Full PDB file with SEQRES, HELIX, SHEET, SSBOND, CRYST1, ORIGX, SCALE, CONECT and MASTER records, all heavy atoms in Angstrom:
SEQRES   1 A   41  ASN MET LEU GLU LYS LEU THR ARG VAL LEU LYS LEU LYS          
SEQRES   2 A   41  GLN LYS LEU THR LEU ASP PRO SER SER ASN ASP PHE PHE          
SEQRES   3 A   41  GLU MET ASP ARG PHE SER VAL SER ARG ILE GLU PRO ASP          
SEQRES   4 A   41  ALA CYS                                                      
HELIX    1 AA1 MET A    2  ARG A    8  1                                   7    
CRYST1    1.000    1.000    1.000  90.00  90.00  90.00 P 1           1          
ORIGX1      1.000000  0.000000  0.000000        0.00000                         
ORIGX2      0.000000  1.000000  0.000000        0.00000                         
ORIGX3      0.000000  0.000000  1.000000        0.00000                         
SCALE1      1.000000  0.000000  0.000000        0.00000                         
SCALE2      0.000000  1.000000  0.000000        0.00000                         
SCALE3      0.000000  0.000000  1.000000        0.00000                         
ATOM      1  N   ASN A   1     137.959 -95.585 -59.122  1.00  0.00           N  
ATOM      2  CA  ASN A   1     137.990 -94.777 -60.297  1.00  0.00           C  
ATOM      3  C   ASN A   1     138.487 -93.353 -59.957  1.00  0.00           C  
ATOM      4  O   ASN A   1     139.299 -92.760 -60.708  1.00  0.00           O  
ATOM      5  CB  ASN A   1     136.637 -94.691 -60.961  1.00  0.00           C  
ATOM      6  CG  ASN A   1     136.236 -95.967 -61.668  1.00  0.00           C  
ATOM      7  OD1 ASN A   1     137.098 -96.666 -62.166  1.00  0.00           O  
ATOM      8  ND2 ASN A   1     134.967 -96.303 -61.701  1.00  0.00           N  
ATOM      9  N   MET A   2     138.040 -92.847 -58.820  1.00  0.00           N  
ATOM     10  CA  MET A   2     138.436 -91.491 -58.460  1.00  0.00           C  
ATOM     11  C   MET A   2     139.908 -91.411 -58.110  1.00  0.00           C  
ATOM     12  O   MET A   2     140.609 -90.457 -58.462  1.00  0.00           O  
ATOM     13  CB  MET A   2     137.601 -91.041 -57.249  1.00  0.00           C  
ATOM     14  CG  MET A   2     137.932 -89.634 -56.737  1.00  0.00           C  
ATOM     15  SD  MET A   2     137.569 -88.373 -58.002  1.00  0.00           S  
ATOM     16  CE  MET A   2     135.793 -88.519 -58.115  1.00  0.00           C  
ATOM     17  N   LEU A   3     140.438 -92.482 -57.414  1.00  0.00           N  
ATOM     18  CA  LEU A   3     141.827 -92.432 -57.063  1.00  0.00           C  
ATOM     19  C   LEU A   3     142.731 -92.498 -58.282  1.00  0.00           C  
ATOM     20  O   LEU A   3     143.777 -91.832 -58.355  1.00  0.00           O  
ATOM     21  CB  LEU A   3     142.133 -93.642 -56.127  1.00  0.00           C  
ATOM     22  CG  LEU A   3     143.567 -93.721 -55.583  1.00  0.00           C  
ATOM     23  CD1 LEU A   3     143.942 -92.450 -54.834  1.00  0.00           C  
ATOM     24  CD2 LEU A   3     143.745 -94.925 -54.673  1.00  0.00           C  
ATOM     25  N   GLU A   4     142.350 -93.287 -59.285  1.00  0.00           N  
ATOM     26  CA  GLU A   4     143.125 -93.334 -60.537  1.00  0.00           C  
ATOM     27  C   GLU A   4     143.161 -92.024 -61.253  1.00  0.00           C  
ATOM     28  O   GLU A   4     144.173 -91.582 -61.779  1.00  0.00           O  
ATOM     29  CB  GLU A   4     142.602 -94.454 -61.434  1.00  0.00           C  
ATOM     30  CG  GLU A   4     142.794 -95.873 -60.944  1.00  0.00           C  
ATOM     31  CD  GLU A   4     142.379 -96.891 -61.937  1.00  0.00           C  
ATOM     32  OE1 GLU A   4     142.006 -96.490 -63.063  1.00  0.00           O  
ATOM     33  OE2 GLU A   4     142.439 -98.101 -61.631  1.00  0.00           O  
ATOM     34  N   LYS A   5     142.046 -91.291 -61.206  1.00  0.00           N  
ATOM     35  CA  LYS A   5     142.017 -89.994 -61.829  1.00  0.00           C  
ATOM     36  C   LYS A   5     142.852 -88.965 -61.078  1.00  0.00           C  
ATOM     37  O   LYS A   5     143.532 -88.146 -61.679  1.00  0.00           O  
ATOM     38  CB  LYS A   5     140.520 -89.537 -61.946  1.00  0.00           C  
ATOM     39  CG  LYS A   5     139.686 -90.348 -62.911  1.00  0.00           C  
ATOM     40  CD  LYS A   5     138.264 -89.845 -62.927  1.00  0.00           C  
ATOM     41  CE  LYS A   5     137.411 -90.667 -63.899  1.00  0.00           C  
ATOM     42  NZ  LYS A   5     135.989 -90.248 -63.902  1.00  0.00           N  
ATOM     43  N   LEU A   6     142.727 -89.026 -59.732  1.00  0.00           N  
ATOM     44  CA  LEU A   6     143.515 -88.065 -58.923  1.00  0.00           C  
ATOM     45  C   LEU A   6     145.003 -88.352 -59.013  1.00  0.00           C  
ATOM     46  O   LEU A   6     145.830 -87.415 -58.911  1.00  0.00           O  
ATOM     47  CB  LEU A   6     143.035 -88.145 -57.475  1.00  0.00           C  
ATOM     48  CG  LEU A   6     141.620 -87.648 -57.181  1.00  0.00           C  
ATOM     49  CD1 LEU A   6     141.252 -87.867 -55.723  1.00  0.00           C  
ATOM     50  CD2 LEU A   6     141.467 -86.187 -57.521  1.00  0.00           C  
ATOM     51  N   THR A   7     145.372 -89.613 -59.176  1.00  0.00           N  
ATOM     52  CA  THR A   7     146.807 -89.949 -59.211  1.00  0.00           C  
ATOM     53  C   THR A   7     147.455 -89.300 -60.437  1.00  0.00           C  
ATOM     54  O   THR A   7     148.655 -88.970 -60.397  1.00  0.00           O  
ATOM     55  CB  THR A   7     146.945 -91.465 -59.257  1.00  0.00           C  
ATOM     56  OG1 THR A   7     146.333 -92.036 -58.126  1.00  0.00           O  
ATOM     57  CG2 THR A   7     148.437 -91.872 -59.249  1.00  0.00           C  
ATOM     58  N   ARG A   8     146.715 -89.114 -61.491  1.00  0.00           N  
ATOM     59  CA  ARG A   8     147.263 -88.476 -62.698  1.00  0.00           C  
ATOM     60  C   ARG A   8     147.683 -87.027 -62.468  1.00  0.00           C  
ATOM     61  O   ARG A   8     148.555 -86.514 -63.207  1.00  0.00           O  
ATOM     62  CB  ARG A   8     146.265 -88.579 -63.869  1.00  0.00           C  
ATOM     63  CG  ARG A   8     145.908 -89.973 -64.262  1.00  0.00           C  
ATOM     64  CD  ARG A   8     144.883 -89.983 -65.382  1.00  0.00           C  
ATOM     65  NE  ARG A   8     144.421 -91.302 -65.734  1.00  0.00           N  
ATOM     66  CZ  ARG A   8     145.011 -92.101 -66.627  1.00  0.00           C  
ATOM     67  NH1 ARG A   8     146.091 -91.675 -67.276  1.00  0.00           N  
ATOM     68  NH2 ARG A   8     144.515 -93.298 -66.869  1.00  0.00           N  
ATOM     69  N   VAL A   9     147.045 -86.403 -61.496  1.00  0.00           N  
ATOM     70  CA  VAL A   9     147.382 -84.983 -61.232  1.00  0.00           C  
ATOM     71  C   VAL A   9     148.116 -84.804 -59.863  1.00  0.00           C  
ATOM     72  O   VAL A   9     148.058 -83.749 -59.272  1.00  0.00           O  
ATOM     73  CB  VAL A   9     146.081 -84.131 -61.252  1.00  0.00           C  
ATOM     74  CG1 VAL A   9     145.473 -84.123 -62.644  1.00  0.00           C  
ATOM     75  CG2 VAL A   9     145.072 -84.654 -60.260  1.00  0.00           C  
ATOM     76  N   LEU A  10     148.761 -85.859 -59.426  1.00  0.00           N  
ATOM     77  CA  LEU A  10     149.493 -85.783 -58.152  1.00  0.00           C  
ATOM     78  C   LEU A  10     150.635 -84.796 -58.277  1.00  0.00           C  
ATOM     79  O   LEU A  10     151.414 -84.833 -59.215  1.00  0.00           O  
ATOM     80  CB  LEU A  10     150.043 -87.173 -57.819  1.00  0.00           C  
ATOM     81  CG  LEU A  10     150.467 -87.461 -56.365  1.00  0.00           C  
ATOM     82  CD1 LEU A  10     149.270 -87.471 -55.466  1.00  0.00           C  
ATOM     83  CD2 LEU A  10     151.161 -88.831 -56.305  1.00  0.00           C  
ATOM     84  N   LYS A  11     150.753 -83.871 -57.300  1.00  0.00           N  
ATOM     85  CA  LYS A  11     151.756 -82.858 -57.357  1.00  0.00           C  
ATOM     86  C   LYS A  11     152.282 -82.539 -55.941  1.00  0.00           C  
ATOM     87  O   LYS A  11     151.634 -82.834 -54.946  1.00  0.00           O  
ATOM     88  CB  LYS A  11     151.252 -81.602 -58.026  1.00  0.00           C  
ATOM     89  CG  LYS A  11     149.986 -81.016 -57.448  1.00  0.00           C  
ATOM     90  CD  LYS A  11     149.460 -79.891 -58.270  1.00  0.00           C  
ATOM     91  CE  LYS A  11     148.113 -79.335 -57.685  1.00  0.00           C  
ATOM     92  NZ  LYS A  11     147.621 -78.227 -58.510  1.00  0.00           N  
ATOM     93  N   LEU A  12     153.425 -81.901 -55.917  1.00  0.00           N  
ATOM     94  CA  LEU A  12     154.104 -81.577 -54.648  1.00  0.00           C  
ATOM     95  C   LEU A  12     153.301 -80.498 -53.905  1.00  0.00           C  
ATOM     96  O   LEU A  12     152.907 -79.496 -54.475  1.00  0.00           O  
ATOM     97  CB  LEU A  12     155.513 -81.091 -54.927  1.00  0.00           C  
ATOM     98  CG  LEU A  12     156.372 -80.699 -53.731  1.00  0.00           C  
ATOM     99  CD1 LEU A  12     156.606 -81.873 -52.829  1.00  0.00           C  
ATOM    100  CD2 LEU A  12     157.705 -80.098 -54.200  1.00  0.00           C  
ATOM    101  N   LYS A  13     153.127 -80.781 -52.588  1.00  0.00           N  
ATOM    102  CA  LYS A  13     152.430 -79.848 -51.766  1.00  0.00           C  
ATOM    103  C   LYS A  13     153.251 -79.264 -50.629  1.00  0.00           C  
ATOM    104  O   LYS A  13     153.118 -78.115 -50.271  1.00  0.00           O  
ATOM    105  CB  LYS A  13     151.200 -80.561 -51.156  1.00  0.00           C  
ATOM    106  CG  LYS A  13     150.311 -79.625 -50.287  1.00  0.00           C  
ATOM    107  CD  LYS A  13     149.097 -80.383 -49.776  1.00  0.00           C  
ATOM    108  CE  LYS A  13     148.279 -79.437 -48.889  1.00  0.00           C  
ATOM    109  NZ  LYS A  13     147.038 -80.123 -48.387  1.00  0.00           N  
ATOM    110  N   GLN A  14     154.183 -80.093 -50.085  1.00  0.00           N  
ATOM    111  CA  GLN A  14     154.894 -79.657 -48.865  1.00  0.00           C  
ATOM    112  C   GLN A  14     156.244 -80.359 -48.801  1.00  0.00           C  
ATOM    113  O   GLN A  14     156.420 -81.463 -49.316  1.00  0.00           O  
ATOM    114  CB  GLN A  14     154.056 -79.967 -47.607  1.00  0.00           C  
ATOM    115  CG  GLN A  14     154.506 -79.343 -46.330  1.00  0.00           C  
ATOM    116  CD  GLN A  14     153.575 -79.690 -45.191  1.00  0.00           C  
ATOM    117  OE1 GLN A  14     152.591 -80.412 -45.347  1.00  0.00           O  
ATOM    118  NE2 GLN A  14     153.920 -79.224 -44.006  1.00  0.00           N  
ATOM    119  N   LYS A  15     157.217 -79.687 -48.082  1.00  0.00           N  
ATOM    120  CA  LYS A  15     158.524 -80.277 -47.870  1.00  0.00           C  
ATOM    121  C   LYS A  15     158.812 -80.233 -46.416  1.00  0.00           C  
ATOM    122  O   LYS A  15     158.696 -79.160 -45.772  1.00  0.00           O  
ATOM    123  CB  LYS A  15     159.577 -79.514 -48.648  1.00  0.00           C  
ATOM    124  CG  LYS A  15     160.998 -80.005 -48.501  1.00  0.00           C  
ATOM    125  CD  LYS A  15     162.002 -79.199 -49.255  1.00  0.00           C  
ATOM    126  CE  LYS A  15     163.414 -79.707 -49.061  1.00  0.00           C  
ATOM    127  NZ  LYS A  15     164.406 -78.896 -49.802  1.00  0.00           N  
ATOM    128  N   LEU A  16     159.239 -81.410 -45.831  1.00  0.00           N  
ATOM    129  CA  LEU A  16     159.557 -81.522 -44.429  1.00  0.00           C  
ATOM    130  C   LEU A  16     161.017 -81.864 -44.247  1.00  0.00           C  
ATOM    131  O   LEU A  16     161.490 -82.826 -44.866  1.00  0.00           O  
ATOM    132  CB  LEU A  16     158.686 -82.604 -43.763  1.00  0.00           C  
ATOM    133  CG  LEU A  16     157.182 -82.461 -43.929  1.00  0.00           C  
ATOM    134  CD1 LEU A  16     156.426 -83.686 -43.414  1.00  0.00           C  
ATOM    135  CD2 LEU A  16     156.703 -81.208 -43.210  1.00  0.00           C  
ATOM    136  N   THR A  17     161.754 -81.080 -43.480  1.00  0.00           N  
ATOM    137  CA  THR A  17     163.181 -81.322 -43.269  1.00  0.00           C  
ATOM    138  C   THR A  17     163.360 -82.178 -42.024  1.00  0.00           C  
ATOM    139  O   THR A  17     162.749 -81.981 -41.000  1.00  0.00           O  
ATOM    140  CB  THR A  17     163.906 -79.976 -43.104  1.00  0.00           C  
ATOM    141  OG1 THR A  17     163.681 -79.173 -44.270  1.00  0.00           O  
ATOM    142  CG2 THR A  17     165.411 -80.217 -42.958  1.00  0.00           C  
ATOM    143  N   LEU A  18     164.304 -83.181 -42.118  1.00  0.00           N  
ATOM    144  CA  LEU A  18     164.570 -84.097 -41.032  1.00  0.00           C  
ATOM    145  C   LEU A  18     165.913 -83.801 -40.393  1.00  0.00           C  
ATOM    146  O   LEU A  18     166.810 -83.195 -41.007  1.00  0.00           O  
ATOM    147  CB  LEU A  18     164.552 -85.513 -41.562  1.00  0.00           C  
ATOM    148  CG  LEU A  18     163.281 -85.979 -42.287  1.00  0.00           C  
ATOM    149  CD1 LEU A  18     163.426 -87.383 -42.819  1.00  0.00           C  
ATOM    150  CD2 LEU A  18     162.057 -85.918 -41.323  1.00  0.00           C  
ATOM    151  N   ASP A  19     166.040 -84.233 -39.137  1.00  0.00           N  
ATOM    152  CA  ASP A  19     167.301 -84.030 -38.402  1.00  0.00           C  
ATOM    153  C   ASP A  19     167.504 -85.163 -37.429  1.00  0.00           C  
ATOM    154  O   ASP A  19     166.973 -85.126 -36.309  1.00  0.00           O  
ATOM    155  CB  ASP A  19     167.284 -82.701 -37.684  1.00  0.00           C  
ATOM    156  CG  ASP A  19     168.629 -82.357 -36.996  1.00  0.00           C  
ATOM    157  OD1 ASP A  19     169.581 -83.084 -37.247  1.00  0.00           O  
ATOM    158  OD2 ASP A  19     168.684 -81.393 -36.237  1.00  0.00           O  
ATOM    159  N   PRO A  20     168.227 -86.234 -37.810  1.00  0.00           N  
ATOM    160  CA  PRO A  20     168.394 -87.348 -36.887  1.00  0.00           C  
ATOM    161  C   PRO A  20     169.277 -87.047 -35.685  1.00  0.00           C  
ATOM    162  O   PRO A  20     169.306 -87.829 -34.724  1.00  0.00           O  
ATOM    163  CB  PRO A  20     169.053 -88.418 -37.792  1.00  0.00           C  
ATOM    164  CG  PRO A  20     169.681 -87.681 -38.867  1.00  0.00           C  
ATOM    165  CD  PRO A  20     168.853 -86.469 -39.083  1.00  0.00           C  
ATOM    166  N   SER A  21     170.075 -85.984 -35.724  1.00  0.00           N  
ATOM    167  CA  SER A  21     170.988 -85.684 -34.613  1.00  0.00           C  
ATOM    168  C   SER A  21     170.446 -84.591 -33.731  1.00  0.00           C  
ATOM    169  O   SER A  21     171.198 -83.903 -33.022  1.00  0.00           O  
ATOM    170  CB  SER A  21     172.342 -85.261 -35.183  1.00  0.00           C  
ATOM    171  OG  SER A  21     172.211 -84.115 -35.984  1.00  0.00           O  
ATOM    172  N   SER A  22     169.112 -84.407 -33.688  1.00  0.00           N  
ATOM    173  CA  SER A  22     168.556 -83.348 -32.869  1.00  0.00           C  
ATOM    174  C   SER A  22     168.671 -83.605 -31.395  1.00  0.00           C  
ATOM    175  O   SER A  22     168.912 -82.698 -30.600  1.00  0.00           O  
ATOM    176  CB  SER A  22     167.101 -83.135 -33.213  1.00  0.00           C  
ATOM    177  OG  SER A  22     166.379 -84.333 -33.022  1.00  0.00           O  
ATOM    178  N   ASN A  23     168.566 -84.897 -31.008  1.00  0.00           N  
ATOM    179  CA  ASN A  23     168.648 -85.267 -29.584  1.00  0.00           C  
ATOM    180  C   ASN A  23     169.927 -86.037 -29.264  1.00  0.00           C  
ATOM    181  O   ASN A  23     170.321 -86.078 -28.103  1.00  0.00           O  
ATOM    182  CB  ASN A  23     167.434 -86.092 -29.165  1.00  0.00           C  
ATOM    183  CG  ASN A  23     166.120 -85.295 -29.316  1.00  0.00           C  
ATOM    184  OD1 ASN A  23     166.112 -84.109 -29.136  1.00  0.00           O  
ATOM    185  ND2 ASN A  23     165.069 -85.991 -29.628  1.00  0.00           N  
ATOM    186  N   ASP A  24     170.514 -86.638 -30.244  1.00  0.00           N  
ATOM    187  CA  ASP A  24     171.730 -87.452 -30.022  1.00  0.00           C  
ATOM    188  C   ASP A  24     172.784 -87.053 -30.992  1.00  0.00           C  
ATOM    189  O   ASP A  24     172.497 -86.550 -32.103  1.00  0.00           O  
ATOM    190  CB  ASP A  24     171.405 -88.962 -30.145  1.00  0.00           C  
ATOM    191  CG  ASP A  24     170.359 -89.395 -29.190  1.00  0.00           C  
ATOM    192  OD1 ASP A  24     170.663 -89.717 -28.009  1.00  0.00           O  
ATOM    193  OD2 ASP A  24     169.171 -89.456 -29.598  1.00  0.00           O  
ATOM    194  N   PHE A  25     174.011 -87.260 -30.632  1.00  0.00           N  
ATOM    195  CA  PHE A  25     175.150 -86.892 -31.497  1.00  0.00           C  
ATOM    196  C   PHE A  25     175.623 -88.160 -32.199  1.00  0.00           C  
ATOM    197  O   PHE A  25     175.947 -89.180 -31.606  1.00  0.00           O  
ATOM    198  CB  PHE A  25     176.283 -86.290 -30.693  1.00  0.00           C  
ATOM    199  CG  PHE A  25     177.492 -86.009 -31.558  1.00  0.00           C  
ATOM    200  CD1 PHE A  25     177.509 -84.863 -32.382  1.00  0.00           C  
ATOM    201  CD2 PHE A  25     178.596 -86.825 -31.537  1.00  0.00           C  
ATOM    202  CE1 PHE A  25     178.603 -84.623 -33.185  1.00  0.00           C  
ATOM    203  CE2 PHE A  25     179.690 -86.566 -32.297  1.00  0.00           C  
ATOM    204  CZ  PHE A  25     179.692 -85.462 -33.158  1.00  0.00           C  
ATOM    205  N   PHE A  26     175.666 -88.096 -33.539  1.00  0.00           N  
ATOM    206  CA  PHE A  26     176.159 -89.206 -34.321  1.00  0.00           C  
ATOM    207  C   PHE A  26     177.289 -88.689 -35.247  1.00  0.00           C  
ATOM    208  O   PHE A  26     177.243 -87.536 -35.715  1.00  0.00           O  
ATOM    209  CB  PHE A  26     175.058 -89.771 -35.209  1.00  0.00           C  
ATOM    210  CG  PHE A  26     173.879 -90.357 -34.436  1.00  0.00           C  
ATOM    211  CD1 PHE A  26     172.615 -89.807 -34.565  1.00  0.00           C  
ATOM    212  CD2 PHE A  26     174.091 -91.422 -33.568  1.00  0.00           C  
ATOM    213  CE1 PHE A  26     171.562 -90.344 -33.844  1.00  0.00           C  
ATOM    214  CE2 PHE A  26     173.023 -91.960 -32.900  1.00  0.00           C  
ATOM    215  CZ  PHE A  26     171.778 -91.443 -33.010  1.00  0.00           C  
ATOM    216  N   GLU A  27     178.251 -89.532 -35.457  1.00  0.00           N  
ATOM    217  CA  GLU A  27     179.343 -89.159 -36.366  1.00  0.00           C  
ATOM    218  C   GLU A  27     178.923 -89.364 -37.775  1.00  0.00           C  
ATOM    219  O   GLU A  27     178.873 -90.478 -38.294  1.00  0.00           O  
ATOM    220  CB  GLU A  27     180.569 -90.073 -36.063  1.00  0.00           C  
ATOM    221  CG  GLU A  27     181.146 -89.848 -34.654  1.00  0.00           C  
ATOM    222  CD  GLU A  27     182.382 -90.717 -34.412  1.00  0.00           C  
ATOM    223  OE1 GLU A  27     182.740 -91.469 -35.351  1.00  0.00           O  
ATOM    224  OE2 GLU A  27     182.953 -90.653 -33.321  1.00  0.00           O  
ATOM    225  N   MET A  28     178.604 -88.259 -38.410  1.00  0.00           N  
ATOM    226  CA  MET A  28     178.179 -88.298 -39.799  1.00  0.00           C  
ATOM    227  C   MET A  28     178.333 -86.932 -40.422  1.00  0.00           C  
ATOM    228  O   MET A  28     178.222 -85.910 -39.746  1.00  0.00           O  
ATOM    229  CB  MET A  28     176.727 -88.811 -39.932  1.00  0.00           C  
ATOM    230  CG  MET A  28     175.713 -87.868 -39.276  1.00  0.00           C  
ATOM    231  SD  MET A  28     174.016 -88.476 -39.455  1.00  0.00           S  
ATOM    232  CE  MET A  28     173.136 -87.185 -38.565  1.00  0.00           C  
ATOM    233  N   ASP A  29     178.617 -86.945 -41.680  1.00  0.00           N  
ATOM    234  CA  ASP A  29     178.676 -85.692 -42.442  1.00  0.00           C  
ATOM    235  C   ASP A  29     177.384 -85.447 -43.214  1.00  0.00           C  
ATOM    236  O   ASP A  29     176.917 -84.367 -43.320  1.00  0.00           O  
ATOM    237  CB  ASP A  29     179.869 -85.749 -43.429  1.00  0.00           C  
ATOM    238  CG  ASP A  29     181.190 -85.779 -42.672  1.00  0.00           C  
ATOM    239  OD1 ASP A  29     181.234 -85.339 -41.494  1.00  0.00           O  
ATOM    240  OD2 ASP A  29     182.172 -86.277 -43.226  1.00  0.00           O  
ATOM    241  N   ARG A  30     176.873 -86.531 -43.825  1.00  0.00           N  
ATOM    242  CA  ARG A  30     175.630 -86.430 -44.565  1.00  0.00           C  
ATOM    243  C   ARG A  30     174.751 -87.627 -44.278  1.00  0.00           C  
ATOM    244  O   ARG A  30     175.214 -88.691 -43.820  1.00  0.00           O  
ATOM    245  CB  ARG A  30     175.946 -86.381 -46.082  1.00  0.00           C  
ATOM    246  CG  ARG A  30     176.652 -85.097 -46.558  1.00  0.00           C  
ATOM    247  CD  ARG A  30     176.818 -85.158 -48.084  1.00  0.00           C  
ATOM    248  NE  ARG A  30     177.570 -86.309 -48.471  1.00  0.00           N  
ATOM    249  CZ  ARG A  30     177.569 -86.844 -49.695  1.00  0.00           C  
ATOM    250  NH1 ARG A  30     176.753 -86.343 -50.619  1.00  0.00           N  
ATOM    251  NH2 ARG A  30     178.359 -87.842 -49.998  1.00  0.00           N  
ATOM    252  N   PHE A  31     173.488 -87.468 -44.566  1.00  0.00           N  
ATOM    253  CA  PHE A  31     172.520 -88.564 -44.378  1.00  0.00           C  
ATOM    254  C   PHE A  31     171.462 -88.433 -45.461  1.00  0.00           C  
ATOM    255  O   PHE A  31     171.235 -87.335 -46.004  1.00  0.00           O  
ATOM    256  CB  PHE A  31     171.907 -88.553 -42.988  1.00  0.00           C  
ATOM    257  CG  PHE A  31     171.028 -87.412 -42.708  1.00  0.00           C  
ATOM    258  CD1 PHE A  31     169.643 -87.483 -42.951  1.00  0.00           C  
ATOM    259  CD2 PHE A  31     171.531 -86.221 -42.195  1.00  0.00           C  
ATOM    260  CE1 PHE A  31     168.832 -86.428 -42.653  1.00  0.00           C  
ATOM    261  CE2 PHE A  31     170.729 -85.176 -41.938  1.00  0.00           C  
ATOM    262  CZ  PHE A  31     169.358 -85.243 -42.149  1.00  0.00           C  
ATOM    263  N   SER A  32     170.802 -89.563 -45.756  1.00  0.00           N  
ATOM    264  CA  SER A  32     169.744 -89.573 -46.734  1.00  0.00           C  
ATOM    265  C   SER A  32     168.692 -90.562 -46.348  1.00  0.00           C  
ATOM    266  O   SER A  32     169.009 -91.654 -45.867  1.00  0.00           O  
ATOM    267  CB  SER A  32     170.308 -89.935 -48.123  1.00  0.00           C  
ATOM    268  OG  SER A  32     169.281 -89.979 -49.086  1.00  0.00           O  
ATOM    269  N   VAL A  33     167.415 -90.196 -46.527  1.00  0.00           N  
ATOM    270  CA  VAL A  33     166.315 -91.090 -46.179  1.00  0.00           C  
ATOM    271  C   VAL A  33     166.260 -92.257 -47.195  1.00  0.00           C  
ATOM    272  O   VAL A  33     166.251 -92.066 -48.385  1.00  0.00           O  
ATOM    273  CB  VAL A  33     164.961 -90.336 -46.204  1.00  0.00           C  
ATOM    274  CG1 VAL A  33     163.817 -91.268 -45.774  1.00  0.00           C  
ATOM    275  CG2 VAL A  33     165.026 -89.112 -45.303  1.00  0.00           C  
ATOM    276  N   SER A  34     166.212 -93.467 -46.649  1.00  0.00           N  
ATOM    277  CA  SER A  34     166.128 -94.663 -47.504  1.00  0.00           C  
ATOM    278  C   SER A  34     164.851 -95.464 -47.285  1.00  0.00           C  
ATOM    279  O   SER A  34     164.554 -96.385 -48.074  1.00  0.00           O  
ATOM    280  CB  SER A  34     167.360 -95.547 -47.331  1.00  0.00           C  
ATOM    281  OG  SER A  34     167.441 -95.994 -45.966  1.00  0.00           O  
ATOM    282  N   ARG A  35     164.116 -95.196 -46.211  1.00  0.00           N  
ATOM    283  CA  ARG A  35     162.902 -95.939 -45.965  1.00  0.00           C  
ATOM    284  C   ARG A  35     161.968 -95.175 -45.041  1.00  0.00           C  
ATOM    285  O   ARG A  35     162.421 -94.469 -44.122  1.00  0.00           O  
ATOM    286  CB  ARG A  35     163.215 -97.297 -45.325  1.00  0.00           C  
ATOM    287  CG  ARG A  35     162.013 -98.234 -45.263  1.00  0.00           C  
ATOM    288  CD  ARG A  35     162.476 -99.672 -45.296  1.00  0.00           C  
ATOM    289  NE  ARG A  35     161.402-100.619 -45.373  1.00  0.00           N  
ATOM    290  CZ  ARG A  35     161.554-101.924 -45.479  1.00  0.00           C  
ATOM    291  NH1 ARG A  35     162.748-102.447 -45.556  1.00  0.00           N  
ATOM    292  NH2 ARG A  35     160.514-102.720 -45.562  1.00  0.00           N  
ATOM    293  N   ILE A  36     160.664 -95.304 -45.281  1.00  0.00           N  
ATOM    294  CA  ILE A  36     159.596 -94.692 -44.457  1.00  0.00           C  
ATOM    295  C   ILE A  36     158.574 -95.733 -44.137  1.00  0.00           C  
ATOM    296  O   ILE A  36     158.056 -96.437 -45.029  1.00  0.00           O  
ATOM    297  CB  ILE A  36     158.912 -93.502 -45.205  1.00  0.00           C  
ATOM    298  CG1 ILE A  36     159.953 -92.435 -45.555  1.00  0.00           C  
ATOM    299  CG2 ILE A  36     157.790 -92.924 -44.340  1.00  0.00           C  
ATOM    300  CD1 ILE A  36     159.346 -91.340 -46.415  1.00  0.00           C  
ATOM    301  N   GLU A  37     158.271 -95.905 -42.825  1.00  0.00           N  
ATOM    302  CA  GLU A  37     157.268 -96.867 -42.393  1.00  0.00           C  
ATOM    303  C   GLU A  37     156.362 -96.201 -41.362  1.00  0.00           C  
ATOM    304  O   GLU A  37     156.818 -95.733 -40.346  1.00  0.00           O  
ATOM    305  CB  GLU A  37     157.924 -98.116 -41.753  1.00  0.00           C  
ATOM    306  CG  GLU A  37     158.692 -98.990 -42.758  1.00  0.00           C  
ATOM    307  CD  GLU A  37     157.776 -99.717 -43.713  1.00  0.00           C  
ATOM    308  OE1 GLU A  37     156.580 -99.880 -43.380  1.00  0.00           O  
ATOM    309  OE2 GLU A  37     158.270-100.064 -44.802  1.00  0.00           O  
ATOM    310  N   PRO A  38     155.025 -96.214 -41.594  1.00  0.00           N  
ATOM    311  CA  PRO A  38     154.075 -95.602 -40.636  1.00  0.00           C  
ATOM    312  C   PRO A  38     153.564 -96.662 -39.606  1.00  0.00           C  
ATOM    313  O   PRO A  38     153.625 -97.845 -39.852  1.00  0.00           O  
ATOM    314  CB  PRO A  38     152.963 -95.101 -41.505  1.00  0.00           C  
ATOM    315  CG  PRO A  38     152.924 -96.126 -42.654  1.00  0.00           C  
ATOM    316  CD  PRO A  38     154.352 -96.564 -42.823  1.00  0.00           C  
ATOM    317  N   ASP A  39     152.982 -96.138 -38.523  1.00  0.00           N  
ATOM    318  CA  ASP A  39     152.353 -97.037 -37.565  1.00  0.00           C  
ATOM    319  C   ASP A  39     150.921 -97.337 -38.031  1.00  0.00           C  
ATOM    320  O   ASP A  39     150.479 -96.934 -39.107  1.00  0.00           O  
ATOM    321  CB  ASP A  39     152.367 -96.410 -36.178  1.00  0.00           C  
ATOM    322  CG  ASP A  39     151.495 -95.202 -36.088  1.00  0.00           C  
ATOM    323  OD1 ASP A  39     151.055 -94.665 -37.127  1.00  0.00           O  
ATOM    324  OD2 ASP A  39     151.275 -94.700 -34.939  1.00  0.00           O  
ATOM    325  N   ALA A  40     150.182 -98.095 -37.199  1.00  0.00           N  
ATOM    326  CA  ALA A  40     148.830 -98.536 -37.573  1.00  0.00           C  
ATOM    327  C   ALA A  40     147.862 -97.380 -37.734  1.00  0.00           C  
ATOM    328  O   ALA A  40     146.956 -97.449 -38.587  1.00  0.00           O  
ATOM    329  CB  ALA A  40     148.312 -99.533 -36.544  1.00  0.00           C  
ATOM    330  N   CYS A  41     148.060 -96.294 -37.025  1.00  0.00           N  
ATOM    331  CA  CYS A  41     147.152 -95.151 -37.089  1.00  0.00           C  
ATOM    332  C   CYS A  41     147.676 -94.058 -38.018  1.00  0.00           C  
ATOM    333  O   CYS A  41     147.042 -93.051 -38.195  1.00  0.00           O  
ATOM    334  CB  CYS A  41     146.930 -94.576 -35.709  1.00  0.00           C  
ATOM    335  SG  CYS A  41     146.224 -95.716 -34.521  1.00  0.00           S  
TER     336      CYS A  41                                                      
MASTER        0    0    0    1    0    0    0    6  335    1    0    4          
END                                                                             
């Protein structure tokens, strides 16, 4: 019940910027996130 009530007021809290070429060089002009998968923890 609490989760359903909190979901109604879900709002943006933070923005995290990604950089896939920080350690390796890839030929690309633009990129966009298409999937997110977490580990068990």
